Amino acid sequence: MSKIIVSDRPKLTKAQIRDMEVKLYPRCLDLEQRKPPAYSAAGYILPCCWADTANWDGYEKLVQEHLHISNVKDVDEILFSHEWDEFFHNLIENPRLAPRVCKIKCCTEMPFKLKLKVR
């Protein structure tokens, strides 16, 4: 039987989460809890399926026209681009600049499936 944890902490707003300083454990970079890149219906490669939101909030640099799948010969052109290097650098070195989705989904070392069972 799953343990239900109820929090009396107030729910944070999107702006509060966006501005939070957090320690990230990026699933897209973790070899044990690997979250593979996602291919969006709009034709862009994203760090993971969680990044495929309605407006790609925080991922704007990764969804530029020159990074569209139809504008490259090989997916490596996208994954090894300056924009992707900068994205991963910020996840590791400047987590405050990470997208809100990363801060929500990758702010704990706990495996995501286990995290869901605990709730």
Protein backbone atom coordinates (compact mmCIF):
# COMPACT_ATOMS: atom_id res chain seq x y z
CA MET A 1 0.00 0.00 0.00
CA SER A 2 1.34 3.44 -0.94
CA LYS A 3 2.00 6.00 1.71
CA ILE A 4 0.17 9.27 1.12
CA ILE A 5 2.01 12.40 2.13
CA VAL A 6 -0.07 15.54 2.53
CA SER A 7 1.78 18.82 2.64
CA ASP A 8 0.51 21.91 4.37
CA ARG A 9 3.00 24.08 2.47
CA PRO A 10 1.44 26.63 0.13
CA LYS A 11 1.61 25.79 -3.56
CA LEU A 12 4.25 27.81 -5.39
CA THR A 13 3.37 29.96 -8.37
CA LYS A 14 5.00 29.46 -11.77
CA ALA A 15 7.00 32.66 -11.27
CA GLN A 16 8.23 31.52 -7.84
CA ILE A 17 9.34 28.17 -9.25
CA ARG A 18 11.05 29.86 -12.21
CA ASP A 19 13.07 32.11 -9.84
CA MET A 20 14.00 29.37 -7.37
CA GLU A 21 17.59 28.39 -6.68
CA VAL A 22 17.56 24.59 -6.68
CA LYS A 23 19.93 21.66 -6.88
CA LEU A 24 19.12 19.77 -10.06
CA TYR A 25 19.56 16.09 -10.84
CA PRO A 26 18.88 16.26 -14.61
CA ARG A 27 17.28 13.01 -15.78
CA CYS A 28 18.44 13.85 -19.32
CA LEU A 29 22.06 13.56 -18.14
CA ASP A 30 21.69 10.75 -15.59
CA LEU A 31 22.81 7.39 -16.94
CA GLU A 32 20.82 5.42 -14.33
CA GLN A 33 17.52 7.34 -14.60
CA ARG A 34 17.94 8.27 -18.26
CA LYS A 35 15.17 10.34 -19.77
CA PRO A 36 15.88 10.22 -23.52
CA PRO A 37 15.48 13.18 -25.86
CA ALA A 38 11.98 13.70 -27.19
CA TYR A 39 10.82 14.45 -30.72
CA SER A 40 8.01 17.00 -30.66
CA ALA A 41 5.08 16.98 -33.06
CA ALA A 42 6.30 20.40 -34.23
CA GLY A 43 9.57 18.86 -35.47
CA TYR A 44 12.03 19.77 -32.73
CA ILE A 45 14.25 17.60 -30.56
CA LEU A 46 13.84 18.41 -26.86
CA PRO A 47 15.83 17.24 -23.82
CA CYS A 48 12.95 15.00 -22.66
CA CYS A 49 9.22 14.53 -23.07
CA TRP A 50 8.53 16.81 -20.08
CA ALA A 51 10.01 19.70 -22.08
CA ASP A 52 7.33 19.34 -24.77
CA THR A 53 4.95 21.91 -23.31
CA ALA A 54 2.48 24.13 -25.15
CA ASN A 55 4.87 27.07 -25.49
CA TRP A 56 8.27 25.46 -24.69
CA ASP A 57 8.70 27.89 -21.80
CA GLY A 58 12.41 27.97 -20.99
CA TYR A 59 13.39 25.95 -24.06
CA GLU A 60 13.05 28.75 -26.63
CA LYS A 61 16.72 28.52 -27.67
CA LEU A 62 16.24 24.83 -28.51
CA VAL A 63 13.27 25.44 -30.82
CA GLN A 64 14.80 27.87 -33.27
CA GLU A 65 14.22 27.39 -36.99
CA HIS A 66 17.80 26.27 -37.73
CA LEU A 67 17.35 23.48 -35.13
CA HIS A 68 14.18 22.14 -36.76
CA ILE A 69 14.59 18.51 -37.84
CA SER A 70 13.83 19.44 -41.47
CA ASN A 71 16.77 21.87 -41.54
CA VAL A 72 19.54 19.44 -40.56
CA LYS A 73 21.10 16.41 -42.21
CA ASP A 74 21.80 14.61 -38.94
CA VAL A 75 20.27 14.83 -35.45
CA ASP A 76 23.81 15.29 -34.10
CA GLU A 77 23.77 18.77 -35.67
CA ILE A 78 21.01 19.59 -33.18
CA LEU A 79 22.27 17.71 -30.14
CA PHE A 80 25.83 19.08 -30.46
CA SER A 81 24.79 22.64 -31.31
CA HIS A 82 25.85 25.70 -29.33
CA GLU A 83 22.26 26.06 -28.04
CA TRP A 84 22.22 22.54 -26.60
CA ASP A 85 25.71 22.97 -25.11
CA GLU A 86 24.52 26.13 -23.39
CA PHE A 87 21.35 24.41 -22.15
CA PHE A 88 23.28 21.54 -20.53
CA HIS A 89 25.92 23.91 -19.16
CA ASN A 90 23.19 25.93 -17.44
CA LEU A 91 21.57 22.79 -15.98
CA ILE A 92 24.86 21.90 -14.32
CA GLU A 93 26.53 25.23 -13.61
CA ASN A 94 23.62 27.70 -13.39
CA PRO A 95 20.52 25.75 -12.28
CA ARG A 96 18.72 29.00 -11.44
CA LEU A 97 18.53 29.55 -15.23
CA ALA A 98 17.00 26.12 -15.84
CA PRO A 99 13.46 25.92 -17.20
CA ARG A 100 10.62 25.59 -14.69
CA VAL A 101 9.86 22.03 -15.87
CA CYS A 102 13.42 20.95 -15.00
CA LYS A 103 13.08 22.46 -11.54
CA ILE A 104 9.85 20.55 -10.96
CA LYS A 105 10.78 17.18 -12.46
CA CYS A 106 14.50 16.98 -11.67
CA CYS A 107 14.91 18.54 -8.23
CA THR A 108 15.40 15.29 -6.33
CA GLU A 109 17.73 12.32 -6.54
CA MET A 110 14.76 10.05 -5.81
CA PRO A 111 13.83 8.01 -8.90
CA PHE A 112 10.75 9.55 -10.47
CA LYS A 113 8.73 6.31 -10.39
CA LEU A 114 9.43 5.95 -6.67
CA LYS A 115 8.52 9.59 -6.12
CA LEU A 116 5.11 8.94 -7.69
CA LYS A 117 4.49 5.91 -5.43
CA VAL A 118 5.29 7.89 -2.27
CA ARG A 119 2.76 10.58 -3.04
